[in-house]
C-alpha atoms as a PDB file:
ATOM      1  CA  MET A   1      79.085  -9.608 -26.267  1.00  0.00           C
ATOM      2  CA  ALA A   2      75.766  -7.883 -26.809  1.00  0.00           C
ATOM      3  CA  LEU A   3      75.614  -4.135 -26.351  1.00  0.00           C
ATOM      4  CA  ASN A   4      73.742  -2.856 -23.277  1.00  0.00           C
ATOM      5  CA  PRO A   5      71.660   0.015 -24.722  1.00  0.00           C
ATOM      6  CA  TRP A   6      71.393   1.725 -21.334  1.00  0.00           C
ATOM      7  CA  ALA A   7      75.140   2.313 -21.272  1.00  0.00           C
ATOM      8  CA  ASP A   8      75.004   4.325 -24.501  1.00  0.00           C
ATOM      9  CA  PRO A   9      73.071   7.637 -24.574  1.00  0.00           C
ATOM     10  CA  ARG A  10      72.578   7.223 -28.329  1.00  0.00           C
ATOM     11  CA  PHE A  11      69.750   4.797 -27.488  1.00  0.00           C
ATOM     12  CA  TRP A  12      67.635   6.946 -25.180  1.00  0.00           C
ATOM     13  CA  LYS A  13      66.554  10.423 -24.061  1.00  0.00           C
ATOM     14  CA  ILE A  14      64.008  12.069 -21.749  1.00  0.00           C
ATOM     15  CA  ASN A  15      61.148  13.626 -23.693  1.00  0.00           C
ATOM     16  CA  ASP A  16      59.284  16.831 -22.750  1.00  0.00           C
ATOM     17  CA  ARG A  17      56.855  14.843 -20.582  1.00  0.00           C
ATOM     18  CA  GLY A  18      59.663  13.466 -18.424  1.00  0.00           C
ATOM     19  CA  ASN A  19      59.344   9.938 -19.879  1.00  0.00           C
ATOM     20  CA  LEU A  20      62.056   7.706 -21.275  1.00  0.00           C
ATOM     21  CA  GLU A  21      62.003   7.610 -25.043  1.00  0.00           C
ATOM     22  CA  ALA A  22      64.009   5.171 -27.169  1.00  0.00           C
ATOM     23  CA  LEU A  23      65.963   6.585 -30.102  1.00  0.00           C
ATOM     24  CA  LEU A  24      66.997   3.214 -31.547  1.00  0.00           C
ATOM     25  CA  GLU A  25      65.780  -0.345 -31.117  1.00  0.00           C
ATOM     26  CA  PRO A  26      67.894  -2.196 -28.531  1.00  0.00           C
ATOM     27  CA  VAL A  27      70.134  -4.854 -29.957  1.00  0.00           C
ATOM     28  CA  ASP A  28      69.768  -7.041 -26.855  1.00  0.00           C
ATOM     29  CA  PRO A  29      66.250  -8.465 -26.133  1.00  0.00           C
ATOM     30  CA  ASP A  30      67.233  -8.882 -22.458  1.00  0.00           C
ATOM     31  CA  TYR A  31      66.980  -5.108 -22.119  1.00  0.00           C
ATOM     32  CA  PRO A  32      63.587  -4.040 -23.520  1.00  0.00           C
ATOM     33  CA  VAL A  33      63.283  -0.283 -23.766  1.00  0.00           C
ATOM     34  CA  GLU A  34      59.933  -0.065 -21.976  1.00  0.00           C
ATOM     35  CA  ASP A  35      61.003  -2.109 -18.931  1.00  0.00           C
ATOM     36  CA  VAL A  36      63.394   0.148 -17.036  1.00  0.00           C
ATOM     37  CA  VAL A  37      63.494   2.203 -13.863  1.00  0.00           C
ATOM     38  CA  LEU A  38      65.300   5.493 -13.467  1.00  0.00           C
ATOM     39  CA  ASP A  39      67.405   5.413 -10.300  1.00  0.00           C
ATOM     40  CA  GLY A  40      67.707   9.199 -10.015  1.00  0.00           C
ATOM     41  CA  THR A  41      65.578  12.296 -10.520  1.00  0.00           C
ATOM     42  CA  SER A  42      67.955  14.890 -11.950  1.00  0.00           C
ATOM     43  CA  TYR A  43      67.285  16.261 -15.410  1.00  0.00           C
ATOM     44  CA  ALA A  44      69.253  18.807 -17.406  1.00  0.00           C
ATOM     45  CA  ASN A  45      68.357  20.016 -20.886  1.00  0.00           C
ATOM     46  CA  GLY A  46      66.022  17.049 -21.316  1.00  0.00           C
ATOM     47  CA  GLU A  47      68.780  14.551 -20.480  1.00  0.00           C
ATOM     48  CA  TYR A  48      68.872  12.149 -17.538  1.00  0.00           C
ATOM     49  CA  LEU A  49      71.938  12.505 -15.357  1.00  0.00           C
ATOM     50  CA  GLY A  50      71.751   9.270 -13.377  1.00  0.00           C
ATOM     51  CA  THR A  51      72.081   5.662 -14.440  1.00  0.00           C
ATOM     52  CA  LEU A  52      69.548   3.151 -15.721  1.00  0.00           C
ATOM     53  CA  GLN A  53      68.625  -0.219 -14.307  1.00  0.00           C
ATOM     54  CA  ALA A  54      66.891  -2.979 -16.242  1.00  0.00           C
ATOM     55  CA  LEU A  55      63.785  -4.589 -14.708  1.00  0.00           C
ATOM     56  CA  GLY A  56      61.920  -7.784 -15.447  1.00  0.00           C
ATOM     57  CA  PRO A  57      58.882  -7.763 -17.744  1.00  0.00           C
ATOM     58  CA  ARG A  58      55.953  -5.498 -16.917  1.00  0.00           C
ATOM     59  CA  PRO A  59      52.921  -7.229 -15.368  1.00  0.00           C
ATOM     60  CA  VAL A  60      50.015  -8.001 -17.657  1.00  0.00           C
ATOM     61  CA  PRO A  61      47.104  -5.852 -16.409  1.00  0.00           C
ATOM     62  CA  ALA A  62      44.342  -7.782 -14.615  1.00  0.00           C
ATOM     63  CA  SER A  63      40.821  -7.743 -16.064  1.00  0.00           C
ATOM     64  CA  LEU A  64      38.337  -5.157 -14.771  1.00  0.00           C
ATOM     65  CA  ALA A  65      34.543  -5.370 -15.006  1.00  0.00           C
ATOM     66  CA  VAL A  66      32.086  -2.779 -13.702  1.00  0.00           C
ATOM     67  CA  GLY A  67      28.512  -3.451 -12.599  1.00  0.00           C
ATOM     68  CA  THR A  68      25.927  -0.922 -11.383  1.00  0.00           C
ATOM     69  CA  ALA A  69      22.707  -1.123  -9.388  1.00  0.00           C
ATOM     70  CA  GLY A  70      21.195   2.281  -8.812  1.00  0.00           C
ATOM     71  CA  LEU A  71      23.958   4.394  -7.272  1.00  0.00           C
ATOM     72  CA  SER A  72      26.027   1.363  -6.193  1.00  0.00           C
ATOM     73  CA  VAL A  73      29.034   0.462  -8.344  1.00  0.00           C
ATOM     74  CA  THR A  74      30.968  -2.842  -8.129  1.00  0.00           C
ATOM     75  CA  PHE A  75      34.475  -2.963  -9.617  1.00  0.00           C
ATOM     76  CA  THR A  76      35.466  -6.629 -10.082  1.00  0.00           C
ATOM     77  CA  VAL A  77      39.100  -7.624 -10.717  1.00  0.00           C
ATOM     78  CA  THR A  78      39.848 -11.032 -12.275  1.00  0.00           C
ATOM     79  CA  ALA A  79      42.728 -12.776 -14.054  1.00  0.00           C
ATOM     80  CA  SER A  80      45.289 -11.167 -11.782  1.00  0.00           C
ATOM     81  CA  GLY A  81      48.811 -12.561 -11.779  1.00  0.00           C
ATOM     82  CA  ALA A  82      50.310 -14.021  -8.594  1.00  0.00           C
ATOM     83  CA  GLY A  83      51.585 -11.358  -6.209  1.00  0.00           C
ATOM     84  CA  TYR A  84      50.010  -8.459  -8.139  1.00  0.00           C
ATOM     85  CA  THR A  85      48.768  -5.355  -6.381  1.00  0.00           C
ATOM     86  CA  ASN A  86      45.779  -3.974  -8.317  1.00  0.00           C
ATOM     87  CA  LYS A  87      44.601  -0.409  -7.909  1.00  0.00           C
ATOM     88  CA  VAL A  88      41.190   0.517  -9.286  1.00  0.00           C
ATOM     89  CA  TYR A  89      40.506   4.119 -10.314  1.00  0.00           C
ATOM     90  CA  TYR A  90      37.466   5.926 -11.652  1.00  0.00           C
ATOM     91  CA  LYS A  91      36.571   9.426 -12.851  1.00  0.00           C
ATOM     92  CA  PRO A  92      33.691  11.248 -14.518  1.00  0.00           C
ATOM     93  CA  ILE A  93      34.155  11.280 -18.276  1.00  0.00           C
ATOM     94  CA  SER A  94      34.146  15.090 -18.323  1.00  0.00           C
ATOM     95  CA  THR A  95      36.997  15.521 -15.782  1.00  0.00           C
ATOM     96  CA  ALA A  96      40.732  14.888 -15.916  1.00  0.00           C
ATOM     97  CA  GLY A  97      41.729  13.557 -12.489  1.00  0.00           C
ATOM     98  CA  TRP A  98      41.386   9.905 -11.425  1.00  0.00           C
ATOM     99  CA  THR A  99      40.050   8.879  -7.989  1.00  0.00           C
ATOM    100  CA  LEU A 100      41.294   5.727  -6.255  1.00  0.00           C
ATOM    101  CA  ALA A 101      38.342   3.379  -5.672  1.00  0.00           C
ATOM    102  CA  GLY A 102      40.377   0.743  -3.826  1.00  0.00           C
ATOM    103  CA  THR A 103      43.472  -1.448  -3.727  1.00  0.00           C
ATOM    104  CA  LEU A 104      43.362  -5.245  -4.014  1.00  0.00           C
ATOM    105  CA  SER A 105      45.945  -7.981  -3.592  1.00  0.00           C
ATOM    106  CA  GLY A 106      45.169 -10.192  -6.565  1.00  0.00           C
ATOM    107  CA  ASN A 107      41.518 -10.735  -7.517  1.00  0.00           C
ATOM    108  CA  GLY A 108      38.563  -9.239  -5.680  1.00  0.00           C
ATOM    109  CA  ALA A 109      35.902  -6.549  -5.780  1.00  0.00           C
ATOM    110  CA  VAL A 110      35.471  -2.967  -4.616  1.00  0.00           C
ATOM    111  CA  VAL A 111      31.976  -1.553  -3.991  1.00  0.00           C
ATOM    112  CA  LEU A 112      31.289   2.196  -3.889  1.00  0.00           C
ATOM    113  CA  THR A 113      28.314   4.543  -3.946  1.00  0.00           C
ATOM    114  CA  VAL A 114      28.782   7.347  -6.474  1.00  0.00           C
ATOM    115  CA  PRO A 115      26.526  10.087  -7.873  1.00  0.00           C
ATOM    116  CA  LYS A 116      24.640   9.397 -11.071  1.00  0.00           C
ATOM    117  CA  GLY A 117      26.576  10.175 -14.240  1.00  0.00           C
ATOM    118  CA  GLN A 118      28.875   8.795 -16.925  1.00  0.00           C
ATOM    119  CA  TYR A 119      32.287   7.471 -15.856  1.00  0.00           C
ATOM    120  CA  TRP A 120      35.555   5.824 -16.847  1.00  0.00           C
ATOM    121  CA  ALA A 121      37.171   3.082 -14.745  1.00  0.00           C
ATOM    122  CA  MET A 122      40.781   1.927 -15.031  1.00  0.00           C
ATOM    123  CA  ILE A 123      42.985  -0.715 -13.381  1.00  0.00           C
ATOM    124  CA  GLU A 124      46.676  -0.400 -12.547  1.00  0.00           C
ATOM    125  CA  SER A 125      48.541  -3.668 -11.904  1.00  0.00           C
ATOM    126  CA  ILE A 126      51.823  -3.526  -9.995  1.00  0.00           C
ATOM    127  CA  LEU A 127      54.529  -6.150  -9.585  1.00  0.00           C
ATOM    128  CA  ALA A 128      58.146  -5.129 -10.307  1.00  0.00           C
ATOM    129  CA  GLY A 129      56.778  -2.619 -12.792  1.00  0.00           C
ATOM    130  CA  THR A 130      53.402  -1.038 -13.405  1.00  0.00           C
ATOM    131  CA  SER A 131      50.917  -1.603 -16.208  1.00  0.00           C
ATOM    132  CA  GLN A 132      47.553   0.038 -16.845  1.00  0.00           C
ATOM    133  CA  GLY A 133      44.561  -1.570 -18.493  1.00  0.00           C
ATOM    134  CA  LEU A 134      42.324   0.119 -21.012  1.00  0.00           C
ATOM    135  CA  PRO A 135      39.606   2.384 -19.516  1.00  0.00           C
ATOM    136  CA  VAL A 136      36.118   0.926 -19.120  1.00  0.00           C
ATOM    137  CA  ALA A 137      33.057   3.164 -19.549  1.00  0.00           C
ATOM    138  CA  PHE A 138      30.078   2.780 -17.217  1.00  0.00           C
ATOM    139  CA  PHE A 139      26.853   4.589 -16.307  1.00  0.00           C
ATOM    140  CA  VAL A 140      25.354   5.291 -12.905  1.00  0.00           C
ATOM    141  CA  SER A 141      21.634   5.979 -13.023  1.00  0.00           C
ATOM    142  CA  ALA A 142      19.352   7.553 -10.471  1.00  0.00           C
ATOM    143  CA  GLU A 143      18.692   5.455  -7.399  1.00  0.00           C
ATOM    144  CA  THR A 144      16.252   2.646  -8.164  1.00  0.00           C
ATOM    145  CA  VAL A 145      13.091   3.048  -6.096  1.00  0.00           C
ATOM    146  CA  SER A 146      10.011   0.875  -6.612  1.00  0.00           C
ATOM    147  CA  LEU A 147       6.718   2.744  -6.567  1.00  0.00           C
ATOM    148  CA  GLY A 148       4.940   2.317  -3.263  1.00  0.00           C
ATOM    149  CA  CYS A 149       1.638   2.135  -5.130  1.00  0.00           C
ATOM    150  CA  SER A 150       0.798   0.624  -8.509  1.00  0.00           C
ATOM    151  CA  ALA A 151       0.230   2.776 -11.576  1.00  0.00           C
ATOM    152  CA  ALA A 152      -3.457   1.793 -11.490  1.00  0.00           C
ATOM    153  CA  GLU A 153      -3.810   2.998  -7.881  1.00  0.00           C
ATOM    154  CA  ILE A 154      -2.106   6.298  -8.691  1.00  0.00           C
ATOM    155  CA  LEU A 155      -4.257   6.938 -11.759  1.00  0.00           C
ATOM    156  CA  ALA A 156      -7.410   5.959  -9.863  1.00  0.00           C
ATOM    157  CA  GLN A 157      -6.604   8.571  -7.215  1.00  0.00           C
ATOM    158  CA  ARG A 158      -6.049  11.152  -9.930  1.00  0.00           C
ATOM    159  CA  ILE A 159      -9.502  10.359 -11.387  1.00  0.00           C
ATOM    160  CA  ILE A 160     -10.979  10.865  -7.909  1.00  0.00           C
ATOM    161  CA  ASP A 161      -9.096  14.179  -7.609  1.00  0.00           C
ATOM    162  CA  LEU A 162     -10.695  15.227 -10.910  1.00  0.00           C
ATOM    163  CA  ALA A 163     -14.151  14.513  -9.383  1.00  0.00           C
ATOM    164  CA  GLN A 164     -14.858  11.841 -11.996  1.00  0.00           C
ATOM    165  CA  ALA A 165     -15.168   8.961  -9.518  1.00  0.00           C
ATOM    166  CA  SER A 166     -15.408   8.339  -5.779  1.00  0.00           C
ATOM    167  CA  ASP A 167     -13.823   6.196  -3.078  1.00  0.00           C
ATOM    168  CA  PRO A 168     -16.044   3.095  -2.681  1.00  0.00           C
ATOM    169  CA  ALA A 169     -15.935   3.518   1.094  1.00  0.00           C
ATOM    170  CA  MET A 170     -17.779   6.822   0.762  1.00  0.00           C
ATOM    171  CA  GLY A 171     -20.888   5.305  -0.818  1.00  0.00           C
ATOM    172  CA  ASP A 172     -21.100   8.020  -3.504  1.00  0.00           C
ATOM    173  CA  GLU A 173     -21.858   7.797  -7.222  1.00  0.00           C
ATOM    174  CA  TRP A 174     -19.374   6.255  -9.661  1.00  0.00           C
ATOM    175  CA  PRO A 175     -17.128   4.402  -7.179  1.00  0.00           C
ATOM    176  CA  ILE A 176     -13.740   3.396  -8.582  1.00  0.00           C
ATOM    177  CA  PHE A 177     -12.187  -0.055  -8.085  1.00  0.00           C
ATOM    178  CA  ILE A 178      -8.708  -1.474  -8.702  1.00  0.00           C
ATOM    179  CA  SER A 179      -8.378  -4.545 -10.930  1.00  0.00           C
ATOM    180  CA  HIS A 180     -11.791  -6.065 -10.223  1.00  0.00           C
ATOM    181  CA  THR A 181     -15.413  -5.410 -11.165  1.00  0.00           C
ATOM    182  CA  PRO A 182     -17.765  -6.075  -8.259  1.00  0.00           C
ATOM    183  CA  ASP A 183     -21.067  -7.840  -8.880  1.00  0.00           C
ATOM    184  CA  GLY A 184     -24.012  -9.019  -6.835  1.00  0.00           C
ATOM    185  CA  PRO A 185     -27.251  -7.514  -5.590  1.00  0.00           C
ATOM    186  CA  ARG A 186     -25.524  -4.715  -3.643  1.00  0.00           C
ATOM    187  CA  ALA A 187     -22.977  -3.779  -6.341  1.00  0.00           C
ATOM    188  CA  PRO A 188     -23.672  -0.468  -8.110  1.00  0.00           C
ATOM    189  CA  ASP A 189     -24.466  -0.495 -11.811  1.00  0.00           C
ATOM    190  CA  ASP A 190     -22.417   2.613 -12.549  1.00  0.00           C
ATOM    191  CA  LEU A 191     -18.742   2.324 -11.666  1.00  0.00           C
ATOM    192  CA  VAL A 192     -15.137   2.749 -12.884  1.00  0.00           C
ATOM    193  CA  VAL A 193     -12.428   0.039 -12.859  1.00  0.00           C
ATOM    194  CA  VAL A 194      -8.704   0.772 -13.288  1.00  0.00           C
ATOM    195  CA  THR A 195      -6.316  -2.125 -14.053  1.00  0.00           C
ATOM    196  CA  ASP A 196      -2.525  -2.353 -14.479  1.00  0.00           C
ATOM    197  CA  THR A 197      -1.518  -3.524 -17.964  1.00  0.00           C
ATOM    198  CA  THR A 198       1.632  -3.978 -20.031  1.00  0.00           C
ATOM    199  CA  GLY A 199       3.656  -0.773 -20.440  1.00  0.00           C
ATOM    200  CA  THR A 200       6.604   0.274 -22.546  1.00  0.00           C
ATOM    201  CA  ASN A 201      10.298   0.957 -21.950  1.00  0.00           C
ATOM    202  CA  ASP A 202      11.992   3.774 -23.888  1.00  0.00           C
ATOM    203  CA  GLY A 203      15.484   2.550 -23.028  1.00  0.00           C
ATOM    204  CA  ARG A 204      18.259   4.381 -21.216  1.00  0.00           C
ATOM    205  CA  ILE A 205      19.374   8.002 -21.293  1.00  0.00           C
ATOM    206  CA  ALA A 206      23.017   7.918 -22.446  1.00  0.00           C
ATOM    207  CA  ARG A 207      24.145  10.868 -20.325  1.00  0.00           C
ATOM    208  CA  THR A 208      22.767   9.630 -16.975  1.00  0.00           C
ATOM    209  CA  GLY A 209      21.968   5.937 -17.488  1.00  0.00           C
ATOM    210  CA  GLU A 210      18.412   6.487 -16.242  1.00  0.00           C
ATOM    211  CA  ILE A 211      15.853   4.006 -17.644  1.00  0.00           C
ATOM    212  CA  ILE A 212      12.594   5.549 -18.848  1.00  0.00           C
ATOM    213  CA  ASP A 213       9.611   3.302 -18.123  1.00  0.00           C
ATOM    214  CA  HIS A 214       5.918   3.892 -18.873  1.00  0.00           C
ATOM    215  CA  PRO A 215       3.503   1.606 -16.980  1.00  0.00           C
ATOM    216  CA  GLY A 216       0.275   0.696 -18.743  1.00  0.00           C
ATOM    217  CA  VAL A 217      -3.194   1.255 -17.249  1.00  0.00           C
ATOM    218  CA  GLN A 218      -6.673   0.397 -18.545  1.00  0.00           C
ATOM    219  CA  ILE A 219      -9.718   2.451 -17.522  1.00  0.00           C
ATOM    220  CA  LYS A 220     -13.116   0.768 -17.807  1.00  0.00           C
ATOM    221  CA  THR A 221     -16.612   2.051 -17.112  1.00  0.00           C
ATOM    222  CA  ARG A 222     -19.762   0.050 -16.481  1.00  0.00           C
ATOM    223  CA  SER A 223     -23.173   1.720 -16.620  1.00  0.00           C
ATOM    224  CA  PHE A 224     -26.889   1.019 -16.626  1.00  0.00           C
ATOM    225  CA  THR A 225     -27.330   3.052 -19.810  1.00  0.00           C
ATOM    226  CA  TYR A 226     -25.151   3.319 -22.864  1.00  0.00           C
ATOM    227  CA  GLU A 227     -25.182   7.129 -22.761  1.00  0.00           C
ATOM    228  CA  ASP A 228     -24.034   7.400 -19.136  1.00  0.00           C
ATOM    229  CA  GLY A 229     -21.113   5.015 -19.683  1.00  0.00           C
ATOM    230  CA  TRP A 230     -20.001   6.775 -22.834  1.00  0.00           C
ATOM    231  CA  ASP A 231     -20.256  10.244 -21.256  1.00  0.00           C
ATOM    232  CA  LYS A 232     -18.282   9.162 -18.177  1.00  0.00           C
ATOM    233  CA  ILE A 233     -15.319   7.649 -20.039  1.00  0.00           C
ATOM    234  CA  GLN A 234     -15.277  10.585 -22.463  1.00  0.00           C
ATOM    235  CA  SER A 235     -15.155  13.010 -19.532  1.00  0.00           C
ATOM    236  CA  ILE A 236     -12.306  11.094 -17.849  1.00  0.00           C
ATOM    237  CA  THR A 237     -10.169  10.926 -21.004  1.00  0.00           C
ATOM    238  CA  SER A 238     -10.765  14.610 -21.846  1.00  0.00           C
ATOM    239  CA  LEU A 239      -9.526  15.741 -18.438  1.00  0.00           C
ATOM    240  CA  LEU A 240      -6.538  13.371 -18.344  1.00  0.00           C
ATOM    241  CA  ASN A 241      -5.492  14.370 -21.857  1.00  0.00           C
ATOM    242  CA  ALA A 242      -5.680  18.088 -21.050  1.00  0.00           C
ATOM    243  CA  GLN A 243      -3.742  18.026 -17.749  1.00  0.00           C
ATOM    244  CA  GLY A 244      -0.093  18.957 -17.317  1.00  0.00           C
ATOM    245  CA  ILE A 245       2.332  17.652 -14.718  1.00  0.00           C
ATOM    246  CA  VAL A 246       0.450  17.041 -11.461  1.00  0.00           C
ATOM    247  CA  ASP A 247       1.224  15.656  -8.005  1.00  0.00           C
ATOM    248  CA  VAL A 248      -0.943  12.850  -6.627  1.00  0.00           C
ATOM    249  CA  THR A 249      -1.030  12.194  -2.880  1.00  0.00           C
ATOM    250  CA  LEU A 250      -1.784   8.594  -1.977  1.00  0.00           C
ATOM    251  CA  ASN A 251      -1.180   6.523   1.194  1.00  0.00           C
ATOM    252  CA  GLY A 252       1.204   9.106   2.621  1.00  0.00           C
ATOM    253  CA  GLY A 253       3.324   9.346  -0.527  1.00  0.00           C
ATOM    254  CA  VAL A 254       3.498  11.963  -3.252  1.00  0.00           C
ATOM    255  CA  TYR A 255       3.707  10.847  -6.900  1.00  0.00           C
ATOM    256  CA  ARG A 256       4.503  13.180  -9.747  1.00  0.00           C
ATOM    257  CA  LEU A 257       2.340  12.206 -12.704  1.00  0.00           C
ATOM    258  CA  LYS A 258       4.350  13.659 -15.570  1.00  0.00           C
ATOM    259  CA  ASN A 259       2.212  12.382 -18.406  1.00  0.00           C
ATOM    260  CA  ALA A 260      -0.852  10.276 -19.140  1.00  0.00           C
ATOM    261  CA  LEU A 261      -0.828   9.282 -22.797  1.00  0.00           C
ATOM    262  CA  GLN A 262      -3.963   7.770 -24.313  1.00  0.00           C
ATOM    263  CA  SER A 263      -2.691   4.858 -26.422  1.00  0.00           C
ATOM    264  CA  GLY A 264      -5.876   4.042 -28.345  1.00  0.00           C
ATOM    265  CA  SER A 265      -9.446   5.035 -28.973  1.00  0.00           C
ATOM    266  CA  ILE A 266     -12.273   4.415 -26.526  1.00  0.00           C
ATOM    267  CA  LEU A 267     -13.521   0.870 -27.103  1.00  0.00           C
ATOM    268  CA  PRO A 268     -17.226   0.001 -26.640  1.00  0.00           C
ATOM    269  CA  MET A 269     -17.157  -3.533 -25.217  1.00  0.00           C
ATOM    270  CA  GLY A 270     -20.839  -4.283 -25.546  1.00  0.00           C
ATOM    271  CA  VAL A 271     -23.149  -5.573 -22.857  1.00  0.00           C
ATOM    272  CA  GLU A 272     -21.732  -7.170 -19.741  1.00  0.00           C
ATOM    273  CA  GLU A 273     -22.334 -10.911 -19.495  1.00  0.00           C
ATOM    274  CA  GLY A 274     -24.887 -11.921 -16.872  1.00  0.00           C
ATOM    275  CA  THR A 275     -28.454 -11.192 -15.970  1.00  0.00           C
ATOM    276  CA  LYS A 276     -28.240  -7.380 -15.937  1.00  0.00           C
ATOM    277  CA  ARG A 277     -28.052  -5.342 -19.113  1.00  0.00           C
ATOM    278  CA  ARG A 278     -25.082  -3.087 -18.334  1.00  0.00           C
ATOM    279  CA  TYR A 279     -22.748  -1.478 -20.847  1.00  0.00           C
ATOM    280  CA  LEU A 280     -18.948  -1.553 -20.836  1.00  0.00           C
ATOM    281  CA  PHE A 281     -16.366   0.857 -22.286  1.00  0.00           C
ATOM    282  CA  SER A 282     -12.574   0.832 -21.991  1.00  0.00           C
ATOM    283  CA  VAL A 283      -9.544   2.927 -22.916  1.00  0.00           C
ATOM    284  CA  ASN A 284      -5.795   2.348 -22.394  1.00  0.00           C
ATOM    285  CA  TYR A 285      -3.114   4.728 -21.140  1.00  0.00           C
ATOM    286  CA  LEU A 286       0.658   4.820 -20.757  1.00  0.00           C
ATOM    287  CA  ILE A 287       1.783   6.958 -17.840  1.00  0.00           C
ATOM    288  CA  THR A 288       5.058   8.486 -16.674  1.00  0.00           C
ATOM    289  CA  VAL A 289       5.275   8.760 -12.894  1.00  0.00           C
ATOM    290  CA  LYS A 290       7.896   9.220 -10.172  1.00  0.00           C
ATOM    291  CA  GLU A 291       7.646   8.856  -6.411  1.00  0.00           C
ATOM    292  CA  ASN A 292       8.423  11.101  -3.443  1.00  0.00           C
ATOM    293  CA  VAL A 293       8.764  14.531  -4.989  1.00  0.00           C
ATOM    294  CA  SER A 294       7.728  16.550  -1.929  1.00  0.00           C
END
């Protein structure tokens, strides 16, 4: 007859954390050391005073995946065993206590809104016993908000604010246009055109998960004389390059223009095609901008 290790105190003790600790390997595989339940709560000198009962095998933890979209977090549980109760927990990486996100019977998903930051998630699967899966790290970035105006529109307004161009509706000198160059008998010779172009992405900040994006913008001048076109684009670039962080008000929104980085030299583009002899110049920028700062 095989020896029941739970009947012999030589095989077990309670450690200083209050957990069962095996002293010897059990001689009977039907009584694995890790799969037991204590049927009492009395301890004395580190020893358990009640009796021990063997349980069936621990459940295999279900799989946990975490997806984020702005401040929304989706905890998805898959590969759960039949009859399992799965509890999903999360906590900031810098804190000790776990918070219950939700409880599922079998597979499913829990959706929460949490502040931006860096987190751990963990699943606890319960049947006759309890098993915990390995923690999963995830990031929550700042809420994703699309700009209400394009980068070209925002930079065009900034150029107007710098008194380097005018709103076309005002009929003043050097009107500024977005993404098109007007022509025809009533179109002015001297004007500015701002166009959205390809930008760059600096990746994600590890601490917050925020993605740093820099939209691209091209500024172009057209002028009746070479000198006027060159002077205008030089004046615009000098002022943009010298400015600090500024707020731009446009269509009821406030945009914080954190940086306007000139990404190349001013390019003389020659004479515009057509019947009029007008000169073209262009320069490219990468900007950093955020919306609704007021």
